[in-house]
Amino acid sequence: EGRAPPPCPVEGDPDYADTHCTGLEVEATGSRFGPSHYLTVTAEDDSGDNPMVTIMVAGEVGEPQVIGPRVPGRIGIVLRDEGVYHVTVSADDSRRCDDAAEDSVCRTVISLGVEITPEDCGNGEDDDLDGSIDCEDSDCSDAASCQEPAGERFVRGDANSDGAINLTDGVVPLLYLFSGGAEPACMDSADANDTGNVEITDAIILFSWLFTGGVAPQPPSPTSPGYPGSDCGEDRTDDALGCARRSPVCE
């Protein structure tokens, strides 16, 4: 009897969704005979399996061309009629298993005799006809309107956000923790060791740094008690703490 194929990976397995389309470039040959364009396709598999790619070239009319599955590389296609052609490359390491990675697909558009306008990153239209609209389009990755809002800028240790680090900044979190005192103006700043919580250890770290030459609080770390604006930064850790009031130095 033939050996049964191995089971498909499931989420959590090391080889689940581990094949990626890493590049798609188009080269027009200008030739009236043979391939009109070459596609250079690259793909990778994290587990070391041999990735395969399937290319679909869809015009405005007629059936799409489908090439593959085949190994990545330089692939010739023939396009003769004017129009817009959508090229989709799907990479995978098994046709049996439905575990496509989010980045397993590459897309581009080829235009013959049709002018395509650049993507407008805020009009809700697919201007360049590549299937992606506004900020979803890679052409808009640097557009100001498509940037994620910047996180709060602060310096660890300045719990009351007054622009300087001193004894009060260690006392404020202690009063908050043990005496019903007000919440520090910047909880992220009070979290000196970046654990995502304000605790007595944070005050100990701060006092040690201020008075006995101990290790500085975690980044964004102060270089001195009267820290400069260049010390300000964002929280590298995803936690529930925030900064209700920003230090004037970090404005």
C-alpha atoms as a PDB file:
ATOM      1  CA  GLU A   1       0.000   0.000   0.000  1.00  0.00           C
ATOM      2  CA  GLY A   2       1.140   3.562  -0.692  1.00  0.00           C
ATOM      3  CA  ARG A   3       2.238   5.721   2.162  1.00  0.00           C
ATOM      4  CA  ALA A   4      -0.345   8.317   3.233  1.00  0.00           C
ATOM      5  CA  PRO A   5       0.722  11.963   2.882  1.00  0.00           C
ATOM      6  CA  PRO A   6       1.726  13.712   6.092  1.00  0.00           C
ATOM      7  CA  PRO A   7      -1.018  15.630   7.889  1.00  0.00           C
ATOM      8  CA  CYS A   8      -1.390  19.313   7.124  1.00  0.00           C
ATOM      9  CA  PRO A   9       0.100  21.669   9.710  1.00  0.00           C
ATOM     10  CA  VAL A  10      -2.236  23.482  12.062  1.00  0.00           C
ATOM     11  CA  GLU A  11      -1.854  26.859  13.698  1.00  0.00           C
ATOM     12  CA  GLY A  12       0.937  26.656  16.262  1.00  0.00           C
ATOM     13  CA  ASP A  13       3.009  24.140  14.294  1.00  0.00           C
ATOM     14  CA  PRO A  14       6.420  25.471  13.221  1.00  0.00           C
ATOM     15  CA  ASP A  15       5.667  24.878   9.538  1.00  0.00           C
ATOM     16  CA  TYR A  16       2.194  26.449   9.591  1.00  0.00           C
ATOM     17  CA  ALA A  17       1.773  29.369   7.151  1.00  0.00           C
ATOM     18  CA  ASP A  18       5.527  29.630   6.636  1.00  0.00           C
ATOM     19  CA  THR A  19       5.792  30.187   2.868  1.00  0.00           C
ATOM     20  CA  HIS A  20       6.172  33.765   1.659  1.00  0.00           C
ATOM     21  CA  CYS A  21       6.157  35.545  -1.680  1.00  0.00           C
ATOM     22  CA  THR A  22       9.185  37.808  -1.331  1.00  0.00           C
ATOM     23  CA  GLY A  23       9.373  39.531  -4.696  1.00  0.00           C
ATOM     24  CA  LEU A  24       7.672  40.169  -8.026  1.00  0.00           C
ATOM     25  CA  GLU A  25       9.339  42.226 -10.750  1.00  0.00           C
ATOM     26  CA  VAL A  26       8.141  42.821 -14.314  1.00  0.00           C
ATOM     27  CA  GLU A  27      10.363  43.272 -17.358  1.00  0.00           C
ATOM     28  CA  ALA A  28       8.881  44.182 -20.765  1.00  0.00           C
ATOM     29  CA  THR A  29      10.780  42.573 -23.641  1.00  0.00           C
ATOM     30  CA  GLY A  30       9.461  44.808 -26.427  1.00  0.00           C
ATOM     31  CA  SER A  31       9.400  41.732 -28.633  1.00  0.00           C
ATOM     32  CA  ARG A  32       6.571  40.934 -31.048  1.00  0.00           C
ATOM     33  CA  PHE A  33       7.484  37.262 -30.853  1.00  0.00           C
ATOM     34  CA  GLY A  34       7.824  35.059 -27.797  1.00  0.00           C
ATOM     35  CA  PRO A  35       7.257  36.426 -24.306  1.00  0.00           C
ATOM     36  CA  SER A  36       6.137  40.050 -24.128  1.00  0.00           C
ATOM     37  CA  HIS A  37       7.137  40.225 -20.462  1.00  0.00           C
ATOM     38  CA  TYR A  38       9.215  38.326 -17.954  1.00  0.00           C
ATOM     39  CA  LEU A  39       8.159  38.006 -14.325  1.00  0.00           C
ATOM     40  CA  THR A  40      10.926  37.499 -11.796  1.00  0.00           C
ATOM     41  CA  VAL A  41       9.348  35.789  -8.805  1.00  0.00           C
ATOM     42  CA  THR A  42      11.030  34.961  -5.500  1.00  0.00           C
ATOM     43  CA  ALA A  43       9.632  32.991  -2.562  1.00  0.00           C
ATOM     44  CA  GLU A  44      10.927  31.567   0.719  1.00  0.00           C
ATOM     45  CA  ASP A  45       9.855  28.841   3.121  1.00  0.00           C
ATOM     46  CA  ASP A  46      10.835  29.112   6.794  1.00  0.00           C
ATOM     47  CA  SER A  47      11.008  25.334   7.251  1.00  0.00           C
ATOM     48  CA  GLY A  48      13.306  24.763   4.284  1.00  0.00           C
ATOM     49  CA  ASP A  49      10.639  23.202   2.086  1.00  0.00           C
ATOM     50  CA  ASN A  50      10.758  23.952  -1.622  1.00  0.00           C
ATOM     51  CA  PRO A  51       8.271  26.765  -2.288  1.00  0.00           C
ATOM     52  CA  MET A  52       6.108  26.624  -5.372  1.00  0.00           C
ATOM     53  CA  VAL A  53       4.330  29.535  -7.036  1.00  0.00           C
ATOM     54  CA  THR A  54       1.169  29.848  -9.100  1.00  0.00           C
ATOM     55  CA  ILE A  55       0.821  32.887 -11.359  1.00  0.00           C
ATOM     56  CA  MET A  56      -2.516  34.222 -12.537  1.00  0.00           C
ATOM     57  CA  VAL A  57      -2.620  36.987 -15.162  1.00  0.00           C
ATOM     58  CA  ALA A  58      -6.126  38.403 -15.538  1.00  0.00           C
ATOM     59  CA  GLY A  59      -7.063  40.884 -18.256  1.00  0.00           C
ATOM     60  CA  GLU A  60     -10.205  42.930 -18.591  1.00  0.00           C
ATOM     61  CA  VAL A  61     -11.790  40.351 -20.870  1.00  0.00           C
ATOM     62  CA  GLY A  62     -11.366  36.640 -21.445  1.00  0.00           C
ATOM     63  CA  GLU A  63     -10.109  33.888 -19.202  1.00  0.00           C
ATOM     64  CA  PRO A  64      -7.055  34.539 -17.031  1.00  0.00           C
ATOM     65  CA  GLN A  65      -3.745  32.886 -17.798  1.00  0.00           C
ATOM     66  CA  VAL A  66      -2.668  30.485 -15.074  1.00  0.00           C
ATOM     67  CA  ILE A  67       0.920  29.268 -14.844  1.00  0.00           C
ATOM     68  CA  GLY A  68       2.062  26.700 -12.339  1.00  0.00           C
ATOM     69  CA  PRO A  69       2.442  25.526  -9.723  1.00  0.00           C
ATOM     70  CA  ARG A  70       6.135  25.768 -10.581  1.00  0.00           C
ATOM     71  CA  VAL A  71       9.396  26.787  -8.995  1.00  0.00           C
ATOM     72  CA  PRO A  72      10.027  30.514  -8.565  1.00  0.00           C
ATOM     73  CA  GLY A  73      12.316  32.225 -11.033  1.00  0.00           C
ATOM     74  CA  ARG A  74      12.116  34.094 -14.341  1.00  0.00           C
ATOM     75  CA  ILE A  75       8.828  33.324 -16.023  1.00  0.00           C
ATOM     76  CA  GLY A  76       7.742  34.454 -19.488  1.00  0.00           C
ATOM     77  CA  ILE A  77       4.201  35.573 -20.266  1.00  0.00           C
ATOM     78  CA  VAL A  78       2.564  36.742 -23.502  1.00  0.00           C
ATOM     79  CA  LEU A  79       0.336  39.831 -23.537  1.00  0.00           C
ATOM     80  CA  ARG A  80      -0.609  41.336 -26.910  1.00  0.00           C
ATOM     81  CA  ASP A  81      -3.894  43.233 -26.489  1.00  0.00           C
ATOM     82  CA  GLU A  82      -4.092  46.708 -25.028  1.00  0.00           C
ATOM     83  CA  GLY A  83      -5.535  46.878 -21.548  1.00  0.00           C
ATOM     84  CA  VAL A  84      -4.788  46.457 -17.882  1.00  0.00           C
ATOM     85  CA  TYR A  85      -3.603  43.093 -16.579  1.00  0.00           C
ATOM     86  CA  HIS A  86      -3.620  42.096 -12.930  1.00  0.00           C
ATOM     87  CA  VAL A  87      -0.813  39.715 -11.984  1.00  0.00           C
ATOM     88  CA  THR A  88      -1.212  37.630  -8.817  1.00  0.00           C
ATOM     89  CA  VAL A  89       1.477  35.278  -7.538  1.00  0.00           C
ATOM     90  CA  SER A  90       0.613  32.796  -4.782  1.00  0.00           C
ATOM     91  CA  ALA A  91       3.400  30.942  -2.979  1.00  0.00           C
ATOM     92  CA  ASP A  92       2.926  27.723  -1.021  1.00  0.00           C
ATOM     93  CA  ASP A  93       4.758  24.558  -0.062  1.00  0.00           C
ATOM     94  CA  SER A  94       1.770  22.228  -0.485  1.00  0.00           C
ATOM     95  CA  ARG A  95      -1.312  22.287  -2.685  1.00  0.00           C
ATOM     96  CA  ARG A  96      -3.120  19.993  -0.228  1.00  0.00           C
ATOM     97  CA  CYS A  97      -2.995  22.261   2.794  1.00  0.00           C
ATOM     98  CA  ASP A  98      -4.886  25.475   3.391  1.00  0.00           C
ATOM     99  CA  ASP A  99      -2.362  27.359   5.526  1.00  0.00           C
ATOM    100  CA  ALA A 100      -1.448  30.364   3.403  1.00  0.00           C
ATOM    101  CA  ALA A 101       0.591  33.047   5.132  1.00  0.00           C
ATOM    102  CA  GLU A 102      -0.602  36.648   5.044  1.00  0.00           C
ATOM    103  CA  ASP A 103       2.366  37.534   2.838  1.00  0.00           C
ATOM    104  CA  SER A 104       2.133  34.507   0.575  1.00  0.00           C
ATOM    105  CA  VAL A 105       0.698  36.604  -2.280  1.00  0.00           C
ATOM    106  CA  CYS A 106       2.414  39.244  -4.438  1.00  0.00           C
ATOM    107  CA  ARG A 107       0.491  41.476  -6.831  1.00  0.00           C
ATOM    108  CA  THR A 108       1.260  43.945  -9.566  1.00  0.00           C
ATOM    109  CA  VAL A 109      -0.378  45.531 -12.601  1.00  0.00           C
ATOM    110  CA  ILE A 110       0.821  45.560 -16.212  1.00  0.00           C
ATOM    111  CA  SER A 111      -0.603  48.210 -18.519  1.00  0.00           C
ATOM    112  CA  LEU A 112      -0.491  48.029 -22.316  1.00  0.00           C
ATOM    113  CA  GLY A 113      -1.500  51.237 -24.070  1.00  0.00           C
ATOM    114  CA  VAL A 114      -3.456  52.447 -21.030  1.00  0.00           C
ATOM    115  CA  GLU A 115      -2.276  55.215 -18.729  1.00  0.00           C
ATOM    116  CA  ILE A 116      -2.554  54.360 -15.054  1.00  0.00           C
ATOM    117  CA  THR A 117      -2.677  57.222 -12.579  1.00  0.00           C
ATOM    118  CA  PRO A 118      -0.644  57.054  -9.348  1.00  0.00           C
ATOM    119  CA  GLU A 119      -2.496  56.008  -6.220  1.00  0.00           C
ATOM    120  CA  ASP A 120      -4.189  58.876  -4.370  1.00  0.00           C
ATOM    121  CA  CYS A 121      -3.848  57.836  -0.729  1.00  0.00           C
ATOM    122  CA  GLY A 122      -7.043  59.434   0.511  1.00  0.00           C
ATOM    123  CA  ASN A 123      -9.833  59.324  -2.056  1.00  0.00           C
ATOM    124  CA  GLY A 124     -11.241  55.859  -1.456  1.00  0.00           C
ATOM    125  CA  GLU A 125     -10.449  54.753  -5.023  1.00  0.00           C
ATOM    126  CA  ASP A 126      -8.095  52.182  -6.510  1.00  0.00           C
ATOM    127  CA  ASP A 127      -6.406  54.756  -8.742  1.00  0.00           C
ATOM    128  CA  ASP A 128      -3.528  52.591  -9.943  1.00  0.00           C
ATOM    129  CA  LEU A 129      -5.779  49.540 -10.434  1.00  0.00           C
ATOM    130  CA  ASP A 130      -3.604  47.190  -8.394  1.00  0.00           C
ATOM    131  CA  GLY A 131      -6.442  45.960  -6.191  1.00  0.00           C
ATOM    132  CA  SER A 132      -5.441  47.983  -3.109  1.00  0.00           C
ATOM    133  CA  ILE A 133      -7.098  51.218  -2.005  1.00  0.00           C
ATOM    134  CA  ASP A 134      -5.534  54.192  -0.225  1.00  0.00           C
ATOM    135  CA  CYS A 135      -3.447  53.158   2.804  1.00  0.00           C
ATOM    136  CA  GLU A 136      -3.778  49.463   1.948  1.00  0.00           C
ATOM    137  CA  ASP A 137      -1.658  50.153  -1.147  1.00  0.00           C
ATOM    138  CA  SER A 138       2.085  49.742  -0.654  1.00  0.00           C
ATOM    139  CA  ASP A 139       2.555  52.910  -2.721  1.00  0.00           C
ATOM    140  CA  CYS A 140       1.088  54.828   0.240  1.00  0.00           C
ATOM    141  CA  SER A 141       3.399  53.391   2.893  1.00  0.00           C
ATOM    142  CA  ASP A 142       5.246  56.713   3.260  1.00  0.00           C
ATOM    143  CA  ALA A 143       2.209  58.983   2.996  1.00  0.00           C
ATOM    144  CA  ALA A 144       1.686  61.112   6.095  1.00  0.00           C
ATOM    145  CA  SER A 145      -2.036  60.275   6.133  1.00  0.00           C
ATOM    146  CA  CYS A 146      -1.224  56.558   6.347  1.00  0.00           C
ATOM    147  CA  GLN A 147       1.153  56.647   9.299  1.00  0.00           C
ATOM    148  CA  GLU A 148       0.099  55.163  12.604  1.00  0.00           C
ATOM    149  CA  PRO A 149      -0.363  57.811  15.284  1.00  0.00           C
ATOM    150  CA  ALA A 150       2.867  58.289  17.204  1.00  0.00           C
ATOM    151  CA  GLY A 151       2.853  56.996  20.768  1.00  0.00           C
ATOM    152  CA  GLU A 152       3.328  59.239  23.755  1.00  0.00           C
ATOM    153  CA  ARG A 153       6.906  60.503  24.133  1.00  0.00           C
ATOM    154  CA  PHE A 154       8.289  60.384  27.649  1.00  0.00           C
ATOM    155  CA  VAL A 155      11.372  59.621  29.738  1.00  0.00           C
ATOM    156  CA  ARG A 156      11.278  56.941  32.414  1.00  0.00           C
ATOM    157  CA  GLY A 157      11.608  58.230  35.948  1.00  0.00           C
ATOM    158  CA  ASP A 158       9.811  61.564  35.480  1.00  0.00           C
ATOM    159  CA  ALA A 159       6.634  60.338  37.160  1.00  0.00           C
ATOM    160  CA  ASN A 160       5.110  63.800  37.583  1.00  0.00           C
ATOM    161  CA  SER A 161       6.073  64.933  34.066  1.00  0.00           C
ATOM    162  CA  ASP A 162       7.606  68.226  35.167  1.00  0.00           C
ATOM    163  CA  GLY A 163      10.682  67.930  32.951  1.00  0.00           C
ATOM    164  CA  ALA A 164      13.186  66.913  35.651  1.00  0.00           C
ATOM    165  CA  ILE A 165      13.819  63.799  37.720  1.00  0.00           C
ATOM    166  CA  ASN A 166      14.234  64.191  41.468  1.00  0.00           C
ATOM    167  CA  LEU A 167      13.197  62.772  44.822  1.00  0.00           C
ATOM    168  CA  THR A 168       9.558  63.641  44.215  1.00  0.00           C
ATOM    169  CA  ASP A 169       9.394  61.272  41.225  1.00  0.00           C
ATOM    170  CA  GLY A 170      10.174  58.331  43.526  1.00  0.00           C
ATOM    171  CA  VAL A 171       7.791  59.479  46.214  1.00  0.00           C
ATOM    172  CA  VAL A 172       4.804  60.022  43.882  1.00  0.00           C
ATOM    173  CA  PRO A 173       4.409  56.324  42.934  1.00  0.00           C
ATOM    174  CA  LEU A 174       4.899  55.256  46.573  1.00  0.00           C
ATOM    175  CA  LEU A 175       2.095  57.559  47.712  1.00  0.00           C
ATOM    176  CA  TYR A 176      -0.055  56.234  44.870  1.00  0.00           C
ATOM    177  CA  LEU A 177       0.629  52.625  45.850  1.00  0.00           C
ATOM    178  CA  PHE A 178       0.394  52.812  49.645  1.00  0.00           C
ATOM    179  CA  SER A 179      -1.292  56.021  50.780  1.00  0.00           C
ATOM    180  CA  GLY A 180      -4.105  56.622  48.326  1.00  0.00           C
ATOM    181  CA  GLY A 181      -2.151  59.338  46.569  1.00  0.00           C
ATOM    182  CA  ALA A 182      -2.919  60.593  43.096  1.00  0.00           C
ATOM    183  CA  GLU A 183      -1.954  58.531  40.070  1.00  0.00           C
ATOM    184  CA  PRO A 184       1.377  59.625  38.588  1.00  0.00           C
ATOM    185  CA  ALA A 185       0.948  62.096  35.734  1.00  0.00           C
ATOM    186  CA  CYS A 186       2.752  59.646  33.453  1.00  0.00           C
ATOM    187  CA  MET A 187       2.339  56.030  34.507  1.00  0.00           C
ATOM    188  CA  ASP A 188       4.751  54.879  31.813  1.00  0.00           C
ATOM    189  CA  SER A 189       7.422  57.159  33.274  1.00  0.00           C
ATOM    190  CA  ALA A 190       6.758  55.825  36.778  1.00  0.00           C
ATOM    191  CA  ASP A 191       7.285  52.258  35.478  1.00  0.00           C
ATOM    192  CA  ALA A 192      11.068  52.520  35.760  1.00  0.00           C
ATOM    193  CA  ASN A 193      11.778  48.859  34.996  1.00  0.00           C
ATOM    194  CA  ASP A 194       9.226  48.571  32.144  1.00  0.00           C
ATOM    195  CA  THR A 195       7.307  45.629  33.565  1.00  0.00           C
ATOM    196  CA  GLY A 196       3.965  47.140  32.601  1.00  0.00           C
ATOM    197  CA  ASN A 197       3.107  47.824  36.255  1.00  0.00           C
ATOM    198  CA  VAL A 198       3.947  50.522  38.777  1.00  0.00           C
ATOM    199  CA  GLU A 199       5.401  48.915  41.895  1.00  0.00           C
ATOM    200  CA  ILE A 200       7.759  49.600  44.787  1.00  0.00           C
ATOM    201  CA  THR A 201      10.692  48.313  42.737  1.00  0.00           C
ATOM    202  CA  ASP A 202      10.309  51.274  40.390  1.00  0.00           C
ATOM    203  CA  ALA A 203      10.932  53.722  43.230  1.00  0.00           C
ATOM    204  CA  ILE A 204      13.941  51.713  44.421  1.00  0.00           C
ATOM    205  CA  ILE A 205      15.466  51.763  40.925  1.00  0.00           C
ATOM    206  CA  LEU A 206      14.945  55.494  40.635  1.00  0.00           C
ATOM    207  CA  PHE A 207      16.422  56.305  44.058  1.00  0.00           C
ATOM    208  CA  SER A 208      19.381  54.038  43.339  1.00  0.00           C
ATOM    209  CA  TRP A 209      20.073  55.804  40.041  1.00  0.00           C
ATOM    210  CA  LEU A 210      19.659  59.269  41.542  1.00  0.00           C
ATOM    211  CA  PHE A 211      21.675  58.830  44.716  1.00  0.00           C
ATOM    212  CA  THR A 212      24.007  55.817  44.549  1.00  0.00           C
ATOM    213  CA  GLY A 213      25.022  55.530  40.901  1.00  0.00           C
ATOM    214  CA  GLY A 214      22.699  52.628  40.176  1.00  0.00           C
ATOM    215  CA  VAL A 215      21.466  51.489  36.766  1.00  0.00           C
ATOM    216  CA  ALA A 216      19.282  53.972  34.908  1.00  0.00           C
ATOM    217  CA  PRO A 217      15.593  53.231  34.288  1.00  0.00           C
ATOM    218  CA  GLN A 218      14.727  51.270  31.171  1.00  0.00           C
ATOM    219  CA  PRO A 219      14.465  53.012  27.762  1.00  0.00           C
ATOM    220  CA  PRO A 220      13.559  55.670  27.023  1.00  0.00           C
ATOM    221  CA  SER A 221      16.182  56.289  29.709  1.00  0.00           C
ATOM    222  CA  PRO A 222      17.269  59.630  31.157  1.00  0.00           C
ATOM    223  CA  THR A 223      20.908  60.591  30.657  1.00  0.00           C
ATOM    224  CA  SER A 224      20.712  63.018  33.568  1.00  0.00           C
ATOM    225  CA  PRO A 225      18.140  64.241  36.119  1.00  0.00           C
ATOM    226  CA  GLY A 226      17.618  67.356  33.995  1.00  0.00           C
ATOM    227  CA  TYR A 227      17.226  65.291  30.846  1.00  0.00           C
ATOM    228  CA  PRO A 228      17.294  66.767  27.315  1.00  0.00           C
ATOM    229  CA  GLY A 229      14.572  66.323  24.710  1.00  0.00           C
ATOM    230  CA  SER A 230      16.749  63.824  22.847  1.00  0.00           C
ATOM    231  CA  ASP A 231      16.153  61.359  25.718  1.00  0.00           C
ATOM    232  CA  CYS A 232      12.413  61.296  25.032  1.00  0.00           C
ATOM    233  CA  GLY A 233      11.015  58.269  23.261  1.00  0.00           C
ATOM    234  CA  GLU A 234       8.084  55.880  22.999  1.00  0.00           C
ATOM    235  CA  ASP A 235       7.306  52.794  25.048  1.00  0.00           C
ATOM    236  CA  ARG A 236       8.866  49.740  23.406  1.00  0.00           C
ATOM    237  CA  THR A 237       6.578  47.451  25.380  1.00  0.00           C
ATOM    238  CA  ASP A 238       2.895  46.892  24.673  1.00  0.00           C
ATOM    239  CA  ASP A 239       1.225  47.422  28.030  1.00  0.00           C
ATOM    240  CA  ALA A 240      -1.819  49.098  29.540  1.00  0.00           C
ATOM    241  CA  LEU A 241       0.069  52.075  30.960  1.00  0.00           C
ATOM    242  CA  GLY A 242      -0.112  55.491  29.382  1.00  0.00           C
ATOM    243  CA  CYS A 243       0.871  59.086  29.898  1.00  0.00           C
ATOM    244  CA  ALA A 244      -1.939  61.428  30.941  1.00  0.00           C
ATOM    245  CA  ARG A 245       0.352  64.455  30.860  1.00  0.00           C
ATOM    246  CA  ARG A 246       3.453  64.780  28.703  1.00  0.00           C
ATOM    247  CA  SER A 247       6.613  66.375  30.028  1.00  0.00           C
ATOM    248  CA  PRO A 248       7.255  69.825  28.511  1.00  0.00           C
ATOM    249  CA  VAL A 249      10.703  68.576  27.510  1.00  0.00           C
ATOM    250  CA  CYS A 250       9.074  65.910  25.304  1.00  0.00           C
ATOM    251  CA  GLU A 251       6.556  68.176  23.581  1.00  0.00           C
END
